[in-house]
Amino acid sequence: MQILVGIKWVPNTSNVRFDPKTGALIREGVPSIVNPHDLDAVEFALDLRDRYGGEVNALSMAPPSAIEGLEQVLGMGVDSAILVSDRIYGGADTLATSYVLAHAVKRISNQRGKLDLVIFGQETIDSSTAHIAAQTASWLDLPYLYYVRSVEIKENGFIAVERWLEDEKTIYDLPLPAVLGVAMKSREPRPVRLIYKIRAKAEKPIEIVTNEILKLNPNCVGLKGSPTWVSKIDYTPEVKRKREVFMDPDAGKAAKWLMQKYADEDINLIGGAHR
C-alpha cells in the first residue's frame, strides 16, 4: 500500500497565544510538539504497512521548525517526509490549509505513484475543528470516513473500515483511494528509534516544498484565502479547584459525599452558587 499520513506541528496548548489583530496563533517563542492525535494516525499507517507492505510517507504544512516533528515520525518508522512550508501559507484556516494539502497530495501522487490512503488524526489539540480530513477529501474528490479504528484490505479494490461513533460500531466498504480520520486514543504510538532517524537522514532527507513549487494562487492560501475571521479573543483565567477524590467504590456513599460537598459549598444544583 502507498499511504500518506498528515501531521501538524502544534504549539504546546498550555502556552497558546493569539495575535489580537489577526486572530492567528503566535508561534514565536512557543515550544511545539507533534499533534498527539496525529501520532495515532502515524501508528495506524505503520500498522497497515507492517501487515500489507508498501510505504508510509508523512506530510506536514508548517513553518521550518516542523522538521523536528517530521524527524520524530521518521524515527517511528515512516519511510519519508515532506514539509510544505512558505510564509504565504501563514495564518491559514482549515479551508485554506486543506486546499494546500490537497495540491501537495496530488503532487506526491504524481511523483511517487498513486496513493491508496491519505490518513489524518481525528483533530488537533490547538483548534479541535476536525475539519482537515473531510475538506482535503472534498478537494481531492475522494471518499472519506472519520473516527476510524481499523481497516482490512479486500481483494476487489475496497477496504473494510471499522468506525466507532460514540458506542456504535459500523463497518463500511470503501473504495480506494480514500481519506481516513483515525479515532483519537485508538492505539498506542510506537517509540522513536534512533537508528530509523539516522537512516532517514542519510537516505531520504526531508523534502521541502514551497509555493514556488506548488504554484498556488496567493489569494487562495494563507490569510487571504481564509474565509474564517476571528472577531474577538477573550482569555478565561484558570479556575482553581480543590481536586478532591472520593475513593470508596460504594455508589450510595459516593452520592451522599457529593451532596454534602454541594451543601458545604452552598451550591444550588440548578441555579449555581448562592454566593
C-alpha atoms as a PDB file:
ATOM      1  CA  MET A   1       0.000   0.000   0.000  1.00  0.00           C
ATOM      2  CA  GLN A   2       1.047   3.583  -0.648  1.00  0.00           C
ATOM      3  CA  ILE A   3      -0.029   5.630   2.366  1.00  0.00           C
ATOM      4  CA  LEU A   4       0.299   9.317   3.129  1.00  0.00           C
ATOM      5  CA  VAL A   5      -0.218  10.459   6.716  1.00  0.00           C
ATOM      6  CA  GLY A   6      -0.674  14.089   7.678  1.00  0.00           C
ATOM      7  CA  ILE A   7       0.781  15.552  10.866  1.00  0.00           C
ATOM      8  CA  LYS A   8       0.504  19.013  12.390  1.00  0.00           C
ATOM      9  CA  TRP A   9       3.238  20.811  14.311  1.00  0.00           C
ATOM     10  CA  VAL A  10       1.214  22.449  17.080  1.00  0.00           C
ATOM     11  CA  PRO A  11       2.080  24.891  19.867  1.00  0.00           C
ATOM     12  CA  ASN A  12       2.028  23.451  23.360  1.00  0.00           C
ATOM     13  CA  THR A  13      -1.557  24.255  24.340  1.00  0.00           C
ATOM     14  CA  SER A  14      -0.579  25.388  27.831  1.00  0.00           C
ATOM     15  CA  ASN A  15       1.285  28.291  26.190  1.00  0.00           C
ATOM     16  CA  VAL A  16      -1.007  29.214  23.296  1.00  0.00           C
ATOM     17  CA  ARG A  17      -1.258  32.923  22.479  1.00  0.00           C
ATOM     18  CA  PHE A  18      -3.097  34.693  19.666  1.00  0.00           C
ATOM     19  CA  ASP A  19      -2.408  37.827  17.683  1.00  0.00           C
ATOM     20  CA  PRO A  20      -5.249  40.177  18.750  1.00  0.00           C
ATOM     21  CA  LYS A  21      -5.373  41.760  15.265  1.00  0.00           C
ATOM     22  CA  THR A  22      -5.323  38.683  13.026  1.00  0.00           C
ATOM     23  CA  GLY A  23      -6.564  36.006  15.442  1.00  0.00           C
ATOM     24  CA  ALA A  24      -3.706  33.780  14.263  1.00  0.00           C
ATOM     25  CA  LEU A  25      -1.593  31.681  16.597  1.00  0.00           C
ATOM     26  CA  ILE A  26       1.632  33.239  17.804  1.00  0.00           C
ATOM     27  CA  ARG A  27       4.304  30.589  17.355  1.00  0.00           C
ATOM     28  CA  GLU A  28       7.437  32.626  18.096  1.00  0.00           C
ATOM     29  CA  GLY A  29       8.979  31.619  21.402  1.00  0.00           C
ATOM     30  CA  VAL A  30       6.382  28.895  21.995  1.00  0.00           C
ATOM     31  CA  PRO A  31       7.532  25.244  22.209  1.00  0.00           C
ATOM     32  CA  SER A  32       5.787  22.956  19.731  1.00  0.00           C
ATOM     33  CA  ILE A  33       5.050  19.253  19.505  1.00  0.00           C
ATOM     34  CA  VAL A  34       3.595  16.818  17.015  1.00  0.00           C
ATOM     35  CA  ASN A  35      -0.156  16.844  17.499  1.00  0.00           C
ATOM     36  CA  PRO A  36      -0.709  13.779  19.745  1.00  0.00           C
ATOM     37  CA  HIS A  37      -3.796  12.628  17.822  1.00  0.00           C
ATOM     38  CA  ASP A  38      -1.719  12.617  14.623  1.00  0.00           C
ATOM     39  CA  LEU A  39       0.653  10.143  16.266  1.00  0.00           C
ATOM     40  CA  ASP A  40      -2.364   7.795  16.463  1.00  0.00           C
ATOM     41  CA  ALA A  41      -2.709   8.217  12.696  1.00  0.00           C
ATOM     42  CA  VAL A  42       1.010   7.549  12.164  1.00  0.00           C
ATOM     43  CA  GLU A  43       0.775   4.333  14.186  1.00  0.00           C
ATOM     44  CA  PHE A  44      -2.351   3.357  12.237  1.00  0.00           C
ATOM     45  CA  ALA A  45      -0.495   3.862   8.933  1.00  0.00           C
ATOM     46  CA  LEU A  46       2.600   1.978  10.079  1.00  0.00           C
ATOM     47  CA  ASP A  47       0.481  -0.924  11.264  1.00  0.00           C
ATOM     48  CA  LEU A  48      -1.157  -1.144   7.820  1.00  0.00           C
ATOM     49  CA  ARG A  49       2.269  -1.128   6.167  1.00  0.00           C
ATOM     50  CA  ASP A  50       3.536  -3.811   8.537  1.00  0.00           C
ATOM     51  CA  ARG A  51       0.581  -6.036   7.659  1.00  0.00           C
ATOM     52  CA  TYR A  52       0.226  -5.386   3.931  1.00  0.00           C
ATOM     53  CA  GLY A  53       3.566  -3.979   2.789  1.00  0.00           C
ATOM     54  CA  GLY A  54       4.210  -0.741   0.938  1.00  0.00           C
ATOM     55  CA  GLU A  55       5.343   2.672   2.142  1.00  0.00           C
ATOM     56  CA  VAL A  56       4.230   5.366   4.573  1.00  0.00           C
ATOM     57  CA  ASN A  57       5.053   8.976   3.734  1.00  0.00           C
ATOM     58  CA  ALA A  58       4.435  11.844   6.168  1.00  0.00           C
ATOM     59  CA  LEU A  59       3.198  15.277   5.127  1.00  0.00           C
ATOM     60  CA  SER A  60       3.040  18.493   7.134  1.00  0.00           C
ATOM     61  CA  MET A  61       2.200  22.092   6.235  1.00  0.00           C
ATOM     62  CA  ALA A  62       4.061  24.166   8.794  1.00  0.00           C
ATOM     63  CA  PRO A  63       6.974  26.539   9.494  1.00  0.00           C
ATOM     64  CA  PRO A  64      10.531  25.170   9.032  1.00  0.00           C
ATOM     65  CA  SER A  65      10.692  24.251  12.736  1.00  0.00           C
ATOM     66  CA  ALA A  66       8.310  21.360  11.963  1.00  0.00           C
ATOM     67  CA  ILE A  67      11.292  19.462  10.587  1.00  0.00           C
ATOM     68  CA  GLU A  68      11.818  18.345  14.188  1.00  0.00           C
ATOM     69  CA  GLY A  69       8.337  16.804  14.235  1.00  0.00           C
ATOM     70  CA  LEU A  70       8.845  15.060  10.908  1.00  0.00           C
ATOM     71  CA  GLU A  71      12.133  13.659  12.204  1.00  0.00           C
ATOM     72  CA  GLN A  72      10.174  12.239  15.139  1.00  0.00           C
ATOM     73  CA  VAL A  73       7.778  10.276  12.919  1.00  0.00           C
ATOM     74  CA  LEU A  74      10.676   9.165  10.728  1.00  0.00           C
ATOM     75  CA  GLY A  75      12.124   7.784  13.944  1.00  0.00           C
ATOM     76  CA  MET A  76       8.896   5.824  14.429  1.00  0.00           C
ATOM     77  CA  GLY A  77       9.492   4.131  11.068  1.00  0.00           C
ATOM     78  CA  VAL A  78       7.863   6.392   8.466  1.00  0.00           C
ATOM     79  CA  ASP A  79       9.644   5.906   5.133  1.00  0.00           C
ATOM     80  CA  SER A  80       9.911   9.538   4.006  1.00  0.00           C
ATOM     81  CA  ALA A  81       8.634  13.006   4.877  1.00  0.00           C
ATOM     82  CA  ILE A  82       7.553  16.153   3.048  1.00  0.00           C
ATOM     83  CA  LEU A  83       7.295  19.623   4.593  1.00  0.00           C
ATOM     84  CA  VAL A  84       5.109  22.158   2.796  1.00  0.00           C
ATOM     85  CA  SER A  85       6.378  25.482   4.058  1.00  0.00           C
ATOM     86  CA  ASP A  86       6.045  29.030   2.785  1.00  0.00           C
ATOM     87  CA  ARG A  87       5.354  32.329   4.571  1.00  0.00           C
ATOM     88  CA  ILE A  88       2.488  32.896   2.164  1.00  0.00           C
ATOM     89  CA  TYR A  89       0.663  29.948   3.788  1.00  0.00           C
ATOM     90  CA  GLY A  90       0.785  31.533   7.252  1.00  0.00           C
ATOM     91  CA  GLY A  91      -2.455  32.280   9.112  1.00  0.00           C
ATOM     92  CA  ALA A  92      -4.498  29.788   7.090  1.00  0.00           C
ATOM     93  CA  ASP A  93      -7.810  28.475   8.389  1.00  0.00           C
ATOM     94  CA  THR A  94      -8.852  24.877   7.720  1.00  0.00           C
ATOM     95  CA  LEU A  95     -10.216  25.648   4.242  1.00  0.00           C
ATOM     96  CA  ALA A  96      -7.010  27.291   3.029  1.00  0.00           C
ATOM     97  CA  THR A  97      -4.907  24.632   4.770  1.00  0.00           C
ATOM     98  CA  SER A  98      -6.797  21.742   3.184  1.00  0.00           C
ATOM     99  CA  TYR A  99      -6.514  23.462  -0.214  1.00  0.00           C
ATOM    100  CA  VAL A 100      -2.722  23.485   0.050  1.00  0.00           C
ATOM    101  CA  LEU A 101      -2.588  19.949   1.437  1.00  0.00           C
ATOM    102  CA  ALA A 102      -4.773  18.625  -1.380  1.00  0.00           C
ATOM    103  CA  HIS A 103      -2.442  20.084  -4.004  1.00  0.00           C
ATOM    104  CA  ALA A 104       0.552  18.665  -2.145  1.00  0.00           C
ATOM    105  CA  VAL A 105      -1.141  15.251  -2.120  1.00  0.00           C
ATOM    106  CA  LYS A 106      -1.724  15.462  -5.890  1.00  0.00           C
ATOM    107  CA  ARG A 107       1.932  16.323  -6.446  1.00  0.00           C
ATOM    108  CA  ILE A 108       3.108  13.422  -4.288  1.00  0.00           C
ATOM    109  CA  SER A 109       0.752  11.044  -6.099  1.00  0.00           C
ATOM    110  CA  ASN A 110       2.032  12.205  -9.488  1.00  0.00           C
ATOM    111  CA  GLN A 111       5.671  11.890  -8.435  1.00  0.00           C
ATOM    112  CA  ARG A 112       5.651   8.700  -6.368  1.00  0.00           C
ATOM    113  CA  GLY A 113       2.757   6.730  -7.783  1.00  0.00           C
ATOM    114  CA  LYS A 114      -0.927   6.552  -6.954  1.00  0.00           C
ATOM    115  CA  LEU A 115      -1.722   6.778  -3.251  1.00  0.00           C
ATOM    116  CA  ASP A 116      -4.091   4.243  -1.720  1.00  0.00           C
ATOM    117  CA  LEU A 117      -4.837   6.038   1.543  1.00  0.00           C
ATOM    118  CA  VAL A 118      -4.474   9.542   2.936  1.00  0.00           C
ATOM    119  CA  ILE A 119      -4.719   9.406   6.730  1.00  0.00           C
ATOM    120  CA  PHE A 120      -5.167  12.144   9.316  1.00  0.00           C
ATOM    121  CA  GLY A 121      -5.657  12.259  13.067  1.00  0.00           C
ATOM    122  CA  GLN A 122      -9.170  12.952  14.311  1.00  0.00           C
ATOM    123  CA  GLU A 123      -8.425  16.541  15.328  1.00  0.00           C
ATOM    124  CA  THR A 124      -5.700  18.815  16.672  1.00  0.00           C
ATOM    125  CA  ILE A 125      -5.186  19.996  20.221  1.00  0.00           C
ATOM    126  CA  ASP A 126      -4.752  23.644  19.209  1.00  0.00           C
ATOM    127  CA  SER A 127      -8.101  24.031  17.422  1.00  0.00           C
ATOM    128  CA  SER A 128     -10.116  20.766  17.623  1.00  0.00           C
ATOM    129  CA  THR A 129     -12.090  21.526  14.443  1.00  0.00           C
ATOM    130  CA  ALA A 130     -11.739  18.014  12.946  1.00  0.00           C
ATOM    131  CA  HIS A 131     -12.211  19.612   9.505  1.00  0.00           C
ATOM    132  CA  ILE A 132      -8.999  18.775   7.666  1.00  0.00           C
ATOM    133  CA  ALA A 133      -9.685  15.171   6.630  1.00  0.00           C
ATOM    134  CA  ALA A 134     -13.138  15.995   5.234  1.00  0.00           C
ATOM    135  CA  GLN A 135     -12.031  19.175   3.483  1.00  0.00           C
ATOM    136  CA  THR A 136      -8.936  17.583   1.949  1.00  0.00           C
ATOM    137  CA  ALA A 137     -11.071  14.680   0.730  1.00  0.00           C
ATOM    138  CA  SER A 138     -13.511  17.168  -0.814  1.00  0.00           C
ATOM    139  CA  TRP A 139     -10.741  18.983  -2.723  1.00  0.00           C
ATOM    140  CA  LEU A 140      -9.445  15.590  -3.922  1.00  0.00           C
ATOM    141  CA  ASP A 141     -12.955  14.271  -4.661  1.00  0.00           C
ATOM    142  CA  LEU A 142     -12.260  11.125  -2.617  1.00  0.00           C
ATOM    143  CA  PRO A 143     -14.480   9.175  -0.180  1.00  0.00           C
ATOM    144  CA  TYR A 144     -13.657   9.575   3.494  1.00  0.00           C
ATOM    145  CA  LEU A 145     -14.606   8.367   6.961  1.00  0.00           C
ATOM    146  CA  TYR A 146     -13.963   9.755  10.459  1.00  0.00           C
ATOM    147  CA  TYR A 147     -13.485   8.009  13.814  1.00  0.00           C
ATOM    148  CA  VAL A 148     -11.795   5.017  12.139  1.00  0.00           C
ATOM    149  CA  ARG A 149     -10.374   2.306  14.389  1.00  0.00           C
ATOM    150  CA  SER A 150      -9.317  -0.459  11.995  1.00  0.00           C
ATOM    151  CA  VAL A 151      -9.026  -1.349   8.308  1.00  0.00           C
ATOM    152  CA  GLU A 152      -8.909  -4.645   6.440  1.00  0.00           C
ATOM    153  CA  ILE A 153      -7.890  -4.837   2.770  1.00  0.00           C
ATOM    154  CA  LYS A 154     -10.326  -6.624   0.466  1.00  0.00           C
ATOM    155  CA  GLU A 155      -9.497  -8.163  -2.921  1.00  0.00           C
ATOM    156  CA  ASN A 156     -11.813  -6.052  -5.078  1.00  0.00           C
ATOM    157  CA  GLY A 157     -10.138  -2.665  -4.597  1.00  0.00           C
ATOM    158  CA  PHE A 158     -12.136  -1.936  -1.458  1.00  0.00           C
ATOM    159  CA  ILE A 159     -11.283  -1.739   2.222  1.00  0.00           C
ATOM    160  CA  ALA A 160     -13.462  -2.763   5.152  1.00  0.00           C
ATOM    161  CA  VAL A 161     -13.368   0.164   7.596  1.00  0.00           C
ATOM    162  CA  GLU A 162     -14.475  -0.138  11.206  1.00  0.00           C
ATOM    163  CA  ARG A 163     -15.769   3.103  12.635  1.00  0.00           C
ATOM    164  CA  TRP A 164     -16.971   3.791  16.161  1.00  0.00           C
ATOM    165  CA  LEU A 165     -19.330   6.726  16.644  1.00  0.00           C
ATOM    166  CA  GLU A 166     -19.787   7.050  20.410  1.00  0.00           C
ATOM    167  CA  ASP A 167     -20.798   3.479  21.395  1.00  0.00           C
ATOM    168  CA  GLU A 168     -21.960   2.285  17.966  1.00  0.00           C
ATOM    169  CA  LYS A 169     -19.678   0.266  15.679  1.00  0.00           C
ATOM    170  CA  THR A 170     -20.240   0.378  11.916  1.00  0.00           C
ATOM    171  CA  ILE A 171     -18.390  -1.430   9.120  1.00  0.00           C
ATOM    172  CA  TYR A 172     -18.121   0.320   5.749  1.00  0.00           C
ATOM    173  CA  ASP A 173     -16.844  -0.953   2.406  1.00  0.00           C
ATOM    174  CA  LEU A 174     -14.863   1.964   0.995  1.00  0.00           C
ATOM    175  CA  PRO A 175     -13.284   2.108  -2.486  1.00  0.00           C
ATOM    176  CA  LEU A 176      -9.612   3.018  -2.807  1.00  0.00           C
ATOM    177  CA  PRO A 177      -8.152   5.600  -2.880  1.00  0.00           C
ATOM    178  CA  ALA A 178      -9.763   7.104   0.205  1.00  0.00           C
ATOM    179  CA  VAL A 179      -9.197   9.527   3.085  1.00  0.00           C
ATOM    180  CA  LEU A 180      -9.487   8.415   6.717  1.00  0.00           C
ATOM    181  CA  GLY A 181      -9.609  10.242  10.027  1.00  0.00           C
ATOM    182  CA  VAL A 182      -8.283   7.960  12.793  1.00  0.00           C
ATOM    183  CA  ALA A 183     -10.109   7.973  16.126  1.00  0.00           C
ATOM    184  CA  MET A 184      -8.104   9.660  18.862  1.00  0.00           C
ATOM    185  CA  LYS A 185      -6.585   7.451  21.554  1.00  0.00           C
ATOM    186  CA  SER A 186      -7.439   4.367  19.496  1.00  0.00           C
ATOM    187  CA  ARG A 187      -3.888   2.975  19.636  1.00  0.00           C
ATOM    188  CA  GLU A 188      -0.536   3.387  21.359  1.00  0.00           C
ATOM    189  CA  PRO A 189       2.099   5.054  19.128  1.00  0.00           C
ATOM    190  CA  ARG A 190       5.331   3.099  18.898  1.00  0.00           C
ATOM    191  CA  PRO A 191       8.528   4.624  20.314  1.00  0.00           C
ATOM    192  CA  VAL A 192      11.076   6.575  18.286  1.00  0.00           C
ATOM    193  CA  ARG A 193      14.199   4.615  17.341  1.00  0.00           C
ATOM    194  CA  LEU A 194      17.446   6.489  16.797  1.00  0.00           C
ATOM    195  CA  ILE A 195      18.587   4.112  14.050  1.00  0.00           C
ATOM    196  CA  TYR A 196      15.490   4.980  11.994  1.00  0.00           C
ATOM    197  CA  LYS A 197      16.166   8.721  12.331  1.00  0.00           C
ATOM    198  CA  ILE A 198      19.811   8.296  11.297  1.00  0.00           C
ATOM    199  CA  ARG A 199      18.880   6.090   8.336  1.00  0.00           C
ATOM    200  CA  ALA A 200      16.192   8.507   7.148  1.00  0.00           C
ATOM    201  CA  LYS A 201      18.572  11.477   7.330  1.00  0.00           C
ATOM    202  CA  ALA A 202      21.215   9.636   5.343  1.00  0.00           C
ATOM    203  CA  GLU A 203      18.990   8.014   2.733  1.00  0.00           C
ATOM    204  CA  LYS A 204      15.857  10.164   2.423  1.00  0.00           C
ATOM    205  CA  PRO A 205      16.241  13.705   3.737  1.00  0.00           C
ATOM    206  CA  ILE A 206      13.037  15.649   4.336  1.00  0.00           C
ATOM    207  CA  GLU A 207      11.755  17.278   1.137  1.00  0.00           C
ATOM    208  CA  ILE A 208      10.813  20.969   1.417  1.00  0.00           C
ATOM    209  CA  VAL A 209       8.002  22.157  -0.859  1.00  0.00           C
ATOM    210  CA  THR A 210       7.342  25.893  -1.251  1.00  0.00           C
ATOM    211  CA  ASN A 211       4.712  27.807  -3.191  1.00  0.00           C
ATOM    212  CA  GLU A 212       7.290  28.318  -5.909  1.00  0.00           C
ATOM    213  CA  ILE A 213       6.894  24.581  -6.475  1.00  0.00           C
ATOM    214  CA  LEU A 214       3.130  24.233  -5.902  1.00  0.00           C
ATOM    215  CA  LYS A 215       2.379  27.498  -7.765  1.00  0.00           C
ATOM    216  CA  LEU A 216      -0.915  28.167  -5.954  1.00  0.00           C
ATOM    217  CA  ASN A 217      -2.837  31.420  -6.292  1.00  0.00           C
ATOM    218  CA  PRO A 218      -1.808  33.674  -3.343  1.00  0.00           C
ATOM    219  CA  ASN A 219      -5.439  34.726  -2.933  1.00  0.00           C
ATOM    220  CA  CYS A 220      -6.406  31.115  -2.170  1.00  0.00           C
ATOM    221  CA  VAL A 221      -3.875  30.419   0.589  1.00  0.00           C
ATOM    222  CA  GLY A 222      -2.872  31.802   3.971  1.00  0.00           C
ATOM    223  CA  LEU A 223      -4.866  34.665   5.491  1.00  0.00           C
ATOM    224  CA  LYS A 224      -6.060  35.876   2.074  1.00  0.00           C
ATOM    225  CA  GLY A 225      -7.578  32.501   1.269  1.00  0.00           C
ATOM    226  CA  SER A 226      -9.218  32.055   4.680  1.00  0.00           C
ATOM    227  CA  PRO A 227     -12.920  32.976   4.934  1.00  0.00           C
ATOM    228  CA  THR A 228     -12.851  32.390   8.715  1.00  0.00           C
ATOM    229  CA  TRP A 229     -12.371  35.597  10.695  1.00  0.00           C
ATOM    230  CA  VAL A 230     -11.724  35.837  14.436  1.00  0.00           C
ATOM    231  CA  SER A 231     -13.727  38.858  15.599  1.00  0.00           C
ATOM    232  CA  LYS A 232     -12.748  38.759  19.263  1.00  0.00           C
ATOM    233  CA  ILE A 233     -10.482  36.856  21.645  1.00  0.00           C
ATOM    234  CA  ASP A 234     -11.163  36.535  25.365  1.00  0.00           C
ATOM    235  CA  TYR A 235      -8.804  34.849  27.802  1.00  0.00           C
ATOM    236  CA  THR A 236     -10.526  32.954  30.598  1.00  0.00           C
ATOM    237  CA  PRO A 237      -8.491  32.731  33.811  1.00  0.00           C
ATOM    238  CA  GLU A 238      -7.821  29.282  35.220  1.00  0.00           C
ATOM    239  CA  VAL A 239     -10.339  28.225  37.845  1.00  0.00           C
ATOM    240  CA  LYS A 240      -8.640  26.941  40.979  1.00  0.00           C
ATOM    241  CA  ARG A 241     -10.032  23.569  42.012  1.00  0.00           C
ATOM    242  CA  LYS A 242      -9.638  21.542  45.199  1.00  0.00           C
ATOM    243  CA  ARG A 243      -9.335  18.294  43.219  1.00  0.00           C
ATOM    244  CA  GLU A 244     -10.787  16.122  45.964  1.00  0.00           C
ATOM    245  CA  VAL A 245     -11.237  12.436  45.182  1.00  0.00           C
ATOM    246  CA  PHE A 246     -13.714  10.026  46.825  1.00  0.00           C
ATOM    247  CA  MET A 247     -12.195   6.540  46.757  1.00  0.00           C
ATOM    248  CA  ASP A 248     -14.951   4.342  48.239  1.00  0.00           C
ATOM    249  CA  PRO A 249     -16.492   2.140  45.470  1.00  0.00           C
ATOM    250  CA  ASP A 250     -19.937   2.266  47.084  1.00  0.00           C
ATOM    251  CA  ALA A 251     -22.138   4.397  44.776  1.00  0.00           C
ATOM    252  CA  GLY A 252     -24.554   5.324  47.560  1.00  0.00           C
ATOM    253  CA  LYS A 253     -21.795   6.627  49.787  1.00  0.00           C
ATOM    254  CA  ALA A 254     -20.289   8.497  46.834  1.00  0.00           C
ATOM    255  CA  ALA A 255     -23.629  10.216  46.147  1.00  0.00           C
ATOM    256  CA  LYS A 256     -24.027  11.241  49.799  1.00  0.00           C
ATOM    257  CA  TRP A 257     -20.453  12.546  49.875  1.00  0.00           C
ATOM    258  CA  LEU A 258     -21.043  14.593  46.725  1.00  0.00           C
ATOM    259  CA  MET A 259     -24.320  16.057  48.010  1.00  0.00           C
ATOM    260  CA  GLN A 260     -22.623  17.002  51.264  1.00  0.00           C
ATOM    261  CA  LYS A 261     -19.942  18.816  49.298  1.00  0.00           C
ATOM    262  CA  TYR A 262     -22.626  20.789  47.475  1.00  0.00           C
ATOM    263  CA  ALA A 263     -24.229  21.645  50.828  1.00  0.00           C
ATOM    264  CA  ASP A 264     -20.903  22.674  52.361  1.00  0.00           C
ATOM    265  CA  GLU A 265     -20.196  24.999  49.443  1.00  0.00           C
ATOM    266  CA  ASP A 266     -23.796  26.328  49.470  1.00  0.00           C
ATOM    267  CA  ILE A 267     -24.350  25.342  45.823  1.00  0.00           C
ATOM    268  CA  ASN A 268     -27.780  25.017  44.226  1.00  0.00           C
ATOM    269  CA  LEU A 269     -27.638  22.213  41.630  1.00  0.00           C
ATOM    270  CA  ILE A 270     -29.941  24.126  39.288  1.00  0.00           C
ATOM    271  CA  GLY A 271     -29.200  27.769  39.925  1.00  0.00           C
ATOM    272  CA  GLY A 272     -25.463  27.609  40.654  1.00  0.00           C
ATOM    273  CA  ALA A 273     -23.634  29.061  43.647  1.00  0.00           C
ATOM    274  CA  HIS A 274     -25.615  31.144  46.130  1.00  0.00           C
ATOM    275  CA  ARG A 275     -22.684  33.396  46.859  1.00  0.00           C
END
